[in-house]
Amino acid sequence: MMKTFNKLLSLLLVICILVACFAGCKDNSATQGGTNAKVVDYVDNTKLKMDSNTKKQEVTVKSFIDGDTTHFIVPTDISDDGTLKARYMGINTPESTGKIEEWGKKASNFTKEKLSSAVSIYVESDNDKWNVDSTGGRHLVWVWYKPSSDAEYRCLNLELVQNGLSISCGTTADRYGDAMTNAFQQAKAQKLNVFSGEKDPDFFYGDAYEVDLKHLRSNIALYDNAKVAFEGVITYNNNNSVYVEEYDAETDMYYGMSVYYGYETGALLNILKVGNRVRVVGTVTYYETGGTWQVSGLKYREMKPDDPSNTIMISEGNAPAHLETSAETFATAELDLDVMSSLDSEETSVKTFKYAELAMSTSISMKNLTVVDAYTTNNGGNSDGAMTLTCKIGDTYIDVRTIVLYDESGNLITESAYLNKTIDVKGIVDYFSGAYQIKVFTANDITVH
């Protein structure tokens, strides 16, 4: 009897073990509720249907803006100026322009990498017409790219979502809404990138506002006495300050800032060399004497190279843009930009700026200026010999301000070298006594015709 009972007990034990094993091996492919779930490639499963009723157009990239915005070259029957400003449908990647956000640079680089190497790119509308966003200036599209000649088109909107590089997605009512929703939930379950709970390796976690120069220049008063961090190329070094500029593809212009380093020595000065691309960290201050804004209070702690408050070098061998600008544009052009109401608010409004105001501290060039008047400083100070050249082209007047200039033999250059002559100039957009001017730092930056 006892032997029979033991056999029965052993049999029940074996059955329990087998049941447990089968339960543990259950197929999880139908769910996405954890990191061990089967991963579905929704991008691979979603196809571009050329015979659908949606609008489609093969395009080439004009400029990359950020992860979810790209400017494409299109026929003029789609956009009058031949540029389609594409806002990717159904996604919202973290910001890599304006106020920089975590994972924003990775999303932006992801988009740029995929489209830069593509052999073909298509934009597709969500229905039978081209649709614009609430601003009226951008088209809402699906972006498809072909990575190689023998590959199928892949939906970049969906791929960004699937890789956890969008902080939200659209609705199932969108053309590819079901795939987008499923990919979004899968990315969250897999804890990819923005959902990882980890620090973004491309983001600096310090006490400074991470911004770009366009955003800083257009919202500068809001950042008074605030600590900021931004990237740019150093173009000139003069009077214990450097000028830093950065290109913005959306407005097709450069934005800049004067950065005062004072009497710093050593490693920081090696970083702040002309031609270096740098990440500047400092405090925004208003320079009362010049009536301009600057960034100061830079530091570099050699013993703490990973300190997010360090000013660091990113690359060498860069050059000033010296953007060729017409006198009329410099003197009269205006630009509308979105500006913040406060640092703590997401609300924005449109503000009209003078072109020169936005171009402050950027490198510029201007041609065919006739010097009609000249003034030389002579007040017993260090600026004795510096000149202000009043120039004219057409009906427009431009002031060119020089520091004290010397020729190759070391002789002082006087106003007679330029008066009543036509010149080309290179310099920095500057502000003095209520007017914008071009400031020149070397004799080589003035060419006499």
Protein backbone atom coordinates (compact mmCIF):
# COMPACT_ATOMS: atom_id res chain seq x y z
CA MET A 1 0.00 0.00 0.00
CA MET A 2 2.81 2.34 0.97
CA LYS A 3 4.70 1.60 -2.29
CA THR A 4 1.56 2.35 -4.32
CA PHE A 5 1.13 5.67 -2.51
CA ASN A 6 4.78 6.65 -3.14
CA LYS A 7 4.45 5.85 -6.84
CA LEU A 8 1.29 7.95 -7.06
CA LEU A 9 3.02 10.84 -5.29
CA SER A 10 6.01 10.67 -7.63
CA LEU A 11 3.70 10.65 -10.65
CA LEU A 12 1.85 13.75 -9.40
CA LEU A 13 5.18 15.49 -8.83
CA VAL A 14 6.31 14.77 -12.39
CA ILE A 15 2.99 16.09 -13.77
CA CYS A 16 3.36 19.32 -11.74
CA ILE A 17 6.89 19.88 -13.06
CA LEU A 18 5.77 19.34 -16.65
CA VAL A 19 2.85 21.76 -16.24
CA ALA A 20 5.16 24.39 -14.82
CA CYS A 21 7.59 23.95 -17.70
CA PHE A 22 4.85 24.36 -20.32
CA ALA A 23 3.52 27.44 -18.53
CA GLY A 24 6.98 29.00 -18.47
CA CYS A 25 7.48 28.34 -22.17
CA LYS A 26 4.23 30.02 -23.20
CA ASP A 27 4.56 32.11 -26.42
CA ASN A 28 4.60 35.84 -25.57
CA SER A 29 4.45 37.04 -29.16
CA ALA A 30 0.90 38.31 -28.72
CA THR A 31 1.79 40.74 -25.98
CA GLN A 32 4.21 43.59 -25.54
CA GLY A 33 3.96 43.86 -21.80
CA GLY A 34 7.61 43.41 -20.97
CA THR A 35 11.19 43.41 -22.23
CA ASN A 36 11.09 39.63 -22.81
CA ALA A 37 8.18 39.89 -25.27
CA LYS A 38 8.79 39.07 -28.91
CA VAL A 39 9.88 42.22 -30.76
CA VAL A 40 7.92 43.04 -33.91
CA ASP A 41 9.49 45.04 -36.74
CA TYR A 42 6.52 47.25 -37.58
CA VAL A 43 8.64 49.26 -40.02
CA ASP A 44 9.43 46.16 -42.05
CA ASN A 45 5.77 45.14 -42.02
CA THR A 46 4.51 48.55 -43.24
CA LYS A 47 4.71 49.16 -46.98
CA LEU A 48 4.54 52.23 -49.18
CA LYS A 49 1.66 51.66 -51.64
CA MET A 50 2.32 53.62 -54.79
CA ASP A 51 -1.21 52.94 -56.09
CA SER A 52 -3.03 54.47 -53.09
CA ASN A 53 -4.95 57.75 -53.42
CA THR A 54 -2.52 59.68 -51.23
CA LYS A 55 -0.30 62.46 -52.60
CA LYS A 56 3.29 61.33 -53.12
CA GLN A 57 6.42 63.09 -54.30
CA GLU A 58 10.03 61.99 -54.62
CA VAL A 59 12.23 64.62 -52.96
CA THR A 60 15.77 65.52 -52.03
CA VAL A 61 16.90 67.05 -48.76
CA LYS A 62 17.50 70.78 -48.69
CA SER A 63 18.31 71.04 -44.99
CA PHE A 64 17.96 69.04 -41.79
CA ILE A 65 16.23 70.83 -38.90
CA ASP A 66 15.67 68.26 -36.15
CA GLY A 67 14.32 64.77 -35.58
CA ASP A 68 10.81 65.44 -36.86
CA THR A 69 11.34 68.35 -39.26
CA THR A 70 13.21 68.37 -42.57
CA HIS A 71 13.15 70.76 -45.52
CA PHE A 72 12.88 69.05 -48.92
CA ILE A 73 13.27 70.32 -52.47
CA VAL A 74 10.02 69.83 -54.40
CA PRO A 75 8.40 71.06 -57.64
CA THR A 76 6.85 74.52 -57.48
CA ASP A 77 3.35 73.12 -58.03
CA ILE A 78 3.60 71.74 -54.46
CA SER A 79 5.31 74.75 -52.90
CA ASP A 80 5.79 78.11 -54.61
CA ASP A 81 9.39 78.51 -53.46
CA GLY A 82 10.33 74.90 -54.23
CA THR A 83 10.80 74.02 -50.55
CA LEU A 84 8.52 71.71 -48.61
CA LYS A 85 8.99 72.21 -44.88
CA ALA A 86 8.05 68.74 -43.70
CA ARG A 87 6.66 68.13 -40.22
CA TYR A 88 6.65 64.37 -39.72
CA MET A 89 3.14 63.07 -39.06
CA GLY A 90 2.27 61.26 -35.87
CA ILE A 91 5.47 61.92 -33.92
CA ASN A 92 7.06 64.42 -31.60
CA THR A 93 10.78 63.95 -31.08
CA PRO A 94 12.61 65.73 -28.24
CA GLU A 95 13.94 69.18 -29.18
CA SER A 96 17.45 69.55 -30.60
CA THR A 97 16.95 73.23 -31.44
CA GLY A 98 15.82 76.11 -29.24
CA LYS A 99 15.81 74.75 -25.70
CA ILE A 100 17.69 71.46 -26.06
CA GLU A 101 16.05 68.36 -24.54
CA GLU A 102 17.30 64.91 -23.57
CA TRP A 103 17.53 62.52 -26.56
CA GLY A 104 16.91 65.42 -28.96
CA LYS A 105 20.33 65.19 -30.58
CA LYS A 106 20.04 61.42 -30.97
CA ALA A 107 16.68 61.77 -32.71
CA SER A 108 18.03 64.51 -34.96
CA ASN A 109 21.14 62.49 -35.84
CA PHE A 110 19.01 59.39 -36.48
CA THR A 111 16.92 61.25 -39.07
CA LYS A 112 19.97 62.81 -40.70
CA GLU A 113 21.82 59.50 -40.89
CA LYS A 114 18.92 57.62 -42.50
CA LEU A 115 18.14 60.28 -45.10
CA SER A 116 21.75 61.21 -45.90
CA SER A 117 22.54 57.66 -47.01
CA ALA A 118 19.20 56.99 -48.74
CA VAL A 119 19.14 56.31 -52.49
CA SER A 120 15.57 57.65 -52.75
CA ILE A 121 13.16 59.60 -50.53
CA TYR A 122 9.39 60.07 -50.85
CA VAL A 123 6.99 62.23 -48.89
CA GLU A 124 3.39 61.07 -48.64
CA SER A 125 0.27 62.89 -47.48
CA ASP A 126 -2.21 61.26 -45.10
CA ASN A 127 -5.03 61.55 -47.65
CA ASP A 128 -5.64 62.80 -51.18
CA LYS A 129 -4.24 66.32 -50.61
CA TRP A 130 -1.19 68.06 -49.18
CA ASN A 131 -2.00 69.16 -45.62
CA VAL A 132 -0.35 71.86 -43.53
CA ASP A 133 0.04 72.12 -39.75
CA SER A 134 -1.55 74.74 -37.49
CA THR A 135 1.17 77.29 -38.34
CA GLY A 136 0.34 77.07 -42.03
CA GLY A 137 4.03 76.94 -42.85
CA ARG A 138 4.80 73.22 -42.65
CA HIS A 139 3.39 70.21 -44.49
CA LEU A 140 2.30 67.17 -42.47
CA VAL A 141 3.75 64.14 -44.23
CA TRP A 142 4.94 60.58 -43.93
CA VAL A 143 8.60 60.32 -44.92
CA TRP A 144 9.78 57.18 -46.71
CA TYR A 145 13.37 56.37 -47.60
CA LYS A 146 15.07 53.60 -49.52
CA PRO A 147 18.36 52.60 -47.82
CA SER A 148 19.72 50.78 -50.89
CA SER A 149 18.72 50.12 -54.49
CA ASP A 150 17.49 46.58 -53.73
CA ALA A 151 15.64 47.50 -50.51
CA GLU A 152 12.02 48.47 -49.91
CA TYR A 153 11.00 51.92 -48.72
CA ARG A 154 10.93 52.35 -44.93
CA CYS A 155 8.69 54.79 -43.06
CA LEU A 156 10.99 57.06 -41.08
CA ASN A 157 8.16 58.39 -38.89
CA LEU A 158 7.42 54.84 -37.76
CA GLU A 159 11.10 53.97 -37.39
CA LEU A 160 11.67 56.89 -35.02
CA VAL A 161 8.73 55.72 -32.90
CA GLN A 162 9.86 52.10 -32.97
CA ASN A 163 13.30 53.12 -31.72
CA GLY A 164 11.92 55.08 -28.79
CA LEU A 165 12.87 58.48 -30.20
CA SER A 166 9.39 60.05 -30.11
CA ILE A 167 7.86 61.21 -26.85
CA SER A 168 4.35 60.76 -28.27
CA CYS A 169 2.61 59.43 -31.34
CA GLY A 170 -0.54 60.19 -33.30
CA THR A 171 -3.87 58.40 -33.26
CA THR A 172 -5.12 55.22 -34.90
CA ALA A 173 -7.11 57.52 -37.20
CA ASP A 174 -3.87 58.39 -39.00
CA ARG A 175 -3.09 56.36 -42.12
CA TYR A 176 -0.51 54.22 -40.34
CA GLY A 177 -1.96 54.84 -36.89
CA ASP A 178 -2.27 51.21 -35.75
CA ALA A 179 1.36 50.44 -36.56
CA MET A 180 2.47 53.68 -34.91
CA THR A 181 0.52 52.93 -31.72
CA ASN A 182 1.82 49.38 -31.52
CA ALA A 183 5.42 50.48 -32.17
CA PHE A 184 5.09 53.20 -29.53
CA GLN A 185 3.83 50.75 -26.90
CA GLN A 186 6.55 48.29 -27.83
CA ALA A 187 9.28 50.94 -27.48
CA LYS A 188 7.93 51.81 -24.03
CA ALA A 189 7.83 48.16 -23.00
CA GLN A 190 11.37 47.63 -24.31
CA LYS A 191 12.50 50.81 -22.51
CA LEU A 192 14.25 52.26 -25.53
CA ASN A 193 15.97 55.67 -25.46
CA VAL A 194 13.43 58.22 -24.16
CA PHE A 195 11.72 55.46 -22.18
CA SER A 196 14.92 53.91 -20.86
CA GLY A 197 15.06 55.81 -17.60
CA GLU A 198 18.77 56.27 -18.31
CA LYS A 199 20.75 59.45 -18.90
CA ASP A 200 21.20 60.60 -22.48
CA PRO A 201 24.96 60.36 -23.23
CA ASP A 202 24.70 63.36 -25.59
CA PHE A 203 23.02 65.64 -23.05
CA PHE A 204 24.78 67.69 -20.36
CA TYR A 205 23.11 67.36 -16.98
CA GLY A 206 24.25 70.59 -15.38
CA ASP A 207 22.57 73.68 -13.95
CA ALA A 208 22.72 75.59 -17.24
CA TYR A 209 19.92 76.05 -19.77
CA GLU A 210 20.86 74.00 -22.85
CA VAL A 211 19.97 76.22 -25.83
CA ASP A 212 21.02 77.02 -29.37
CA LEU A 213 22.19 80.48 -30.45
CA LYS A 214 19.08 81.27 -32.47
CA HIS A 215 16.90 80.68 -29.42
CA LEU A 216 19.26 82.56 -27.13
CA ARG A 217 19.56 85.57 -29.43
CA SER A 218 15.80 85.87 -29.98
CA ASN A 219 14.95 85.42 -26.27
CA ILE A 220 18.05 87.06 -24.81
CA ALA A 221 16.39 89.35 -22.24
CA LEU A 222 14.66 86.39 -20.59
CA TYR A 223 18.06 84.84 -19.87
CA ASP A 224 19.48 87.91 -18.12
CA ASN A 225 21.86 86.65 -15.38
CA ALA A 226 20.99 83.03 -16.23
CA LYS A 227 23.55 80.32 -16.87
CA VAL A 228 23.38 78.97 -20.42
CA ALA A 229 25.19 76.40 -22.55
CA PHE A 230 25.40 76.46 -26.36
CA GLU A 231 27.58 75.33 -29.26
CA GLY A 232 29.23 77.32 -32.03
CA VAL A 233 32.35 78.19 -34.01
CA ILE A 234 34.77 80.85 -32.76
CA THR A 235 35.32 83.42 -35.51
CA TYR A 236 37.33 86.28 -33.97
CA ASN A 237 39.24 87.02 -30.77
CA ASN A 238 39.51 90.65 -29.69
CA ASN A 239 39.73 92.65 -26.48
CA ASN A 240 39.43 89.66 -24.10
CA SER A 241 36.38 88.36 -25.95
CA VAL A 242 35.63 85.84 -28.67
CA TYR A 243 32.72 85.77 -31.10
CA VAL A 244 30.82 82.51 -31.47
CA GLU A 245 28.35 81.75 -34.29
CA GLU A 246 26.07 78.91 -35.35
CA TYR A 247 24.08 78.28 -38.55
CA ASP A 248 20.31 77.76 -38.44
CA ALA A 249 18.91 75.91 -41.44
CA GLU A 250 15.30 76.90 -40.83
CA THR A 251 15.98 80.62 -41.28
CA ASP A 252 19.10 80.15 -43.42
CA MET A 253 21.16 82.57 -41.37
CA TYR A 254 23.75 82.63 -38.59
CA TYR A 255 23.25 83.63 -34.97
CA GLY A 256 26.06 84.70 -32.69
CA MET A 257 27.18 85.82 -29.28
CA SER A 258 30.06 87.78 -27.82
CA VAL A 259 31.76 85.72 -25.12
CA TYR A 260 33.94 87.56 -22.60
CA TYR A 261 36.72 85.46 -21.08
CA GLY A 262 38.47 88.30 -19.25
CA TYR A 263 41.97 87.52 -18.02
CA GLU A 264 41.72 83.74 -18.00
CA THR A 265 44.87 81.82 -18.90
CA GLY A 266 45.95 78.27 -19.63
CA ALA A 267 43.66 75.51 -20.82
CA LEU A 268 40.60 77.71 -21.32
CA LEU A 269 42.43 79.94 -23.80
CA ASN A 270 43.53 76.88 -25.77
CA ILE A 271 39.88 75.95 -26.10
CA LEU A 272 38.83 79.46 -27.14
CA LYS A 273 40.93 79.57 -30.32
CA VAL A 274 39.60 80.93 -33.59
CA GLY A 275 38.43 78.02 -35.73
CA ASN A 276 37.46 75.80 -32.81
CA ARG A 277 33.93 74.56 -32.41
CA VAL A 278 33.15 74.80 -28.71
CA ARG A 279 30.48 74.23 -26.12
CA VAL A 280 30.31 77.45 -24.10
CA VAL A 281 28.95 77.54 -20.57
CA GLY A 282 28.55 80.95 -18.96
CA THR A 283 26.23 83.63 -17.63
CA VAL A 284 24.25 86.05 -19.80
CA THR A 285 24.95 89.68 -18.89
CA TYR A 286 24.10 93.06 -20.36
CA TYR A 287 27.13 95.14 -21.25
CA GLU A 288 25.98 98.66 -20.39
CA THR A 289 28.86 100.48 -22.07
CA GLY A 290 28.25 98.91 -25.46
CA GLY A 291 24.51 98.43 -25.08
CA THR A 292 24.87 94.76 -26.03
CA TRP A 293 24.51 91.30 -24.50
CA GLN A 294 27.38 88.97 -23.80
CA VAL A 295 28.16 85.71 -22.02
CA SER A 296 30.82 85.73 -19.32
CA GLY A 297 32.03 83.75 -16.32
CA LEU A 298 33.51 80.88 -18.31
CA LYS A 299 35.42 78.16 -16.46
CA TYR A 300 37.42 75.05 -17.24
CA ARG A 301 38.29 72.59 -14.48
CA GLU A 302 41.10 70.39 -15.80
CA MET A 303 40.81 67.98 -12.89
CA LYS A 304 37.10 67.46 -13.68
CA PRO A 305 36.89 67.06 -17.48
CA ASP A 306 33.33 65.69 -17.26
CA ASP A 307 32.04 68.67 -15.30
CA PRO A 308 28.95 69.87 -17.25
CA SER A 309 29.89 73.46 -16.35
CA ASN A 310 33.13 73.21 -18.32
CA THR A 311 33.60 75.06 -21.59
CA ILE A 312 34.89 72.33 -23.92
CA MET A 313 36.29 72.02 -27.44
CA ILE A 314 34.30 69.91 -29.89
CA SER A 315 36.40 70.19 -33.06
CA GLU A 316 39.15 72.20 -34.75
CA GLY A 317 39.73 73.62 -38.22
CA ASN A 318 36.43 75.45 -38.72
CA ALA A 319 36.11 78.81 -40.49
CA PRO A 320 33.98 81.94 -40.07
CA ALA A 321 30.97 81.96 -42.39
CA HIS A 322 31.39 85.60 -43.48
CA LEU A 323 27.87 85.37 -44.88
CA GLU A 324 27.66 87.64 -47.90
CA THR A 325 24.90 90.12 -47.17
CA SER A 326 23.51 93.01 -49.17
CA ALA A 327 23.49 96.47 -47.65
CA GLU A 328 19.71 96.65 -48.10
CA THR A 329 19.16 93.40 -46.20
CA PHE A 330 21.47 94.54 -43.42
CA ALA A 331 19.79 97.91 -43.08
CA THR A 332 16.10 97.19 -43.68
CA ALA A 333 15.24 93.46 -43.63
CA GLU A 334 13.08 92.00 -40.86
CA LEU A 335 12.36 88.49 -39.65
CA ASP A 336 9.47 87.02 -37.64
CA LEU A 337 10.40 84.47 -34.97
CA ASP A 338 8.56 82.66 -32.20
CA VAL A 339 9.62 83.91 -28.77
CA MET A 340 8.82 82.68 -25.26
CA SER A 341 6.71 84.62 -22.80
CA SER A 342 8.87 83.40 -19.90
CA LEU A 343 11.45 80.72 -19.17
CA ASP A 344 8.86 78.70 -17.24
CA SER A 345 6.15 78.80 -19.91
CA GLU A 346 5.66 76.85 -23.13
CA GLU A 347 3.60 79.70 -24.58
CA THR A 348 5.12 81.57 -27.51
CA SER A 349 4.23 84.56 -29.64
CA VAL A 350 5.57 85.98 -32.89
CA LYS A 351 7.98 88.90 -32.68
CA THR A 352 9.42 90.94 -35.54
CA PHE A 353 13.18 91.52 -35.39
CA LYS A 354 15.52 93.63 -37.44
CA TYR A 355 17.84 91.41 -39.47
CA ALA A 356 20.97 93.03 -38.03
CA GLU A 357 19.67 92.57 -34.49
CA LEU A 358 19.44 88.82 -34.99
CA ALA A 359 22.78 88.71 -36.83
CA MET A 360 24.63 90.42 -33.98
CA SER A 361 28.11 88.99 -33.36
CA THR A 362 28.10 86.87 -36.52
CA SER A 363 30.71 87.06 -39.28
CA ILE A 364 29.56 88.92 -42.38
CA SER A 365 30.88 90.16 -45.72
CA MET A 366 29.65 93.01 -47.90
CA LYS A 367 30.82 94.12 -51.32
CA ASN A 368 31.01 97.29 -53.41
CA LEU A 369 30.71 99.85 -50.63
CA THR A 370 31.82 103.36 -51.53
CA VAL A 371 33.46 105.21 -48.63
CA VAL A 372 31.93 108.69 -48.61
CA ASP A 373 33.13 109.88 -45.22
CA ALA A 374 35.58 108.84 -42.51
CA TYR A 375 36.21 109.62 -38.86
CA THR A 376 39.36 108.71 -36.94
CA THR A 377 39.34 108.39 -33.16
CA ASN A 378 41.77 110.78 -31.48
CA ASN A 379 41.06 111.19 -27.78
CA GLY A 380 44.33 110.07 -26.21
CA GLY A 381 43.19 106.49 -25.54
CA ASN A 382 44.03 103.02 -26.82
CA SER A 383 41.61 103.46 -29.70
CA ASP A 384 43.42 106.37 -31.27
CA GLY A 385 43.71 105.59 -34.97
CA ALA A 386 40.58 103.44 -35.16
CA MET A 387 38.27 104.55 -37.94
CA THR A 388 34.58 104.73 -38.74
CA LEU A 389 34.02 104.59 -42.48
CA THR A 390 30.63 105.81 -43.70
CA CYS A 391 29.84 103.80 -46.81
CA LYS A 392 27.12 103.98 -49.41
CA ILE A 393 25.71 101.62 -52.00
CA GLY A 394 22.65 102.80 -53.88
CA ASP A 395 20.51 104.68 -51.36
CA THR A 396 21.73 102.67 -48.38
CA TYR A 397 24.37 103.79 -45.87
CA ILE A 398 26.47 101.34 -43.84
CA ASP A 399 29.03 102.17 -41.15
CA VAL A 400 32.22 100.14 -41.03
CA ARG A 401 34.16 100.43 -37.77
CA THR A 402 37.79 99.33 -37.59
CA ILE A 403 40.16 98.74 -34.73
CA VAL A 404 43.61 100.37 -35.10
CA LEU A 405 44.96 98.88 -38.34
CA TYR A 406 48.56 98.49 -39.53
CA ASP A 407 49.95 97.48 -42.91
CA GLU A 408 52.48 94.69 -43.49
CA SER A 409 55.36 97.07 -42.70
CA GLY A 410 53.86 98.02 -39.38
CA ASN A 411 52.72 101.46 -40.47
CA LEU A 412 49.41 102.89 -39.24
CA ILE A 413 46.70 102.79 -41.88
CA THR A 414 44.82 106.08 -42.08
CA GLU A 415 41.49 107.06 -43.57
CA SER A 416 43.15 108.24 -46.79
CA ALA A 417 43.62 104.56 -47.71
CA TYR A 418 39.85 104.17 -48.03
CA LEU A 419 38.16 107.56 -48.42
CA ASN A 420 36.31 107.95 -51.75
CA LYS A 421 37.20 104.39 -52.74
CA THR A 422 35.09 101.28 -53.24
CA ILE A 423 35.78 98.47 -50.81
CA ASP A 424 34.73 94.93 -49.87
CA VAL A 425 34.70 94.17 -46.15
CA LYS A 426 34.62 91.20 -43.79
CA GLY A 427 33.87 91.57 -40.12
CA ILE A 428 31.43 91.11 -37.27
CA VAL A 429 27.94 92.58 -36.93
CA ASP A 430 28.28 95.11 -34.11
CA TYR A 431 26.15 97.73 -32.36
CA PHE A 432 27.27 101.20 -31.36
CA SER A 433 25.44 104.35 -30.34
CA GLY A 434 22.02 103.11 -31.41
CA ALA A 435 23.05 101.76 -34.82
CA TYR A 436 24.21 98.46 -36.28
CA GLN A 437 27.56 98.42 -38.05
CA ILE A 438 30.26 96.09 -39.36
CA LYS A 439 33.34 95.86 -37.17
CA VAL A 440 36.65 94.99 -38.85
CA PHE A 441 39.64 93.57 -36.97
CA THR A 442 42.40 93.20 -39.61
CA ALA A 443 43.59 95.15 -42.64
CA ASN A 444 43.25 91.98 -44.71
CA ASP A 445 39.50 92.10 -44.15
CA ILE A 446 39.19 95.27 -46.24
CA THR A 447 39.79 94.95 -49.99
CA VAL A 448 40.12 98.16 -51.99
CA HIS A 449 38.95 97.97 -55.60
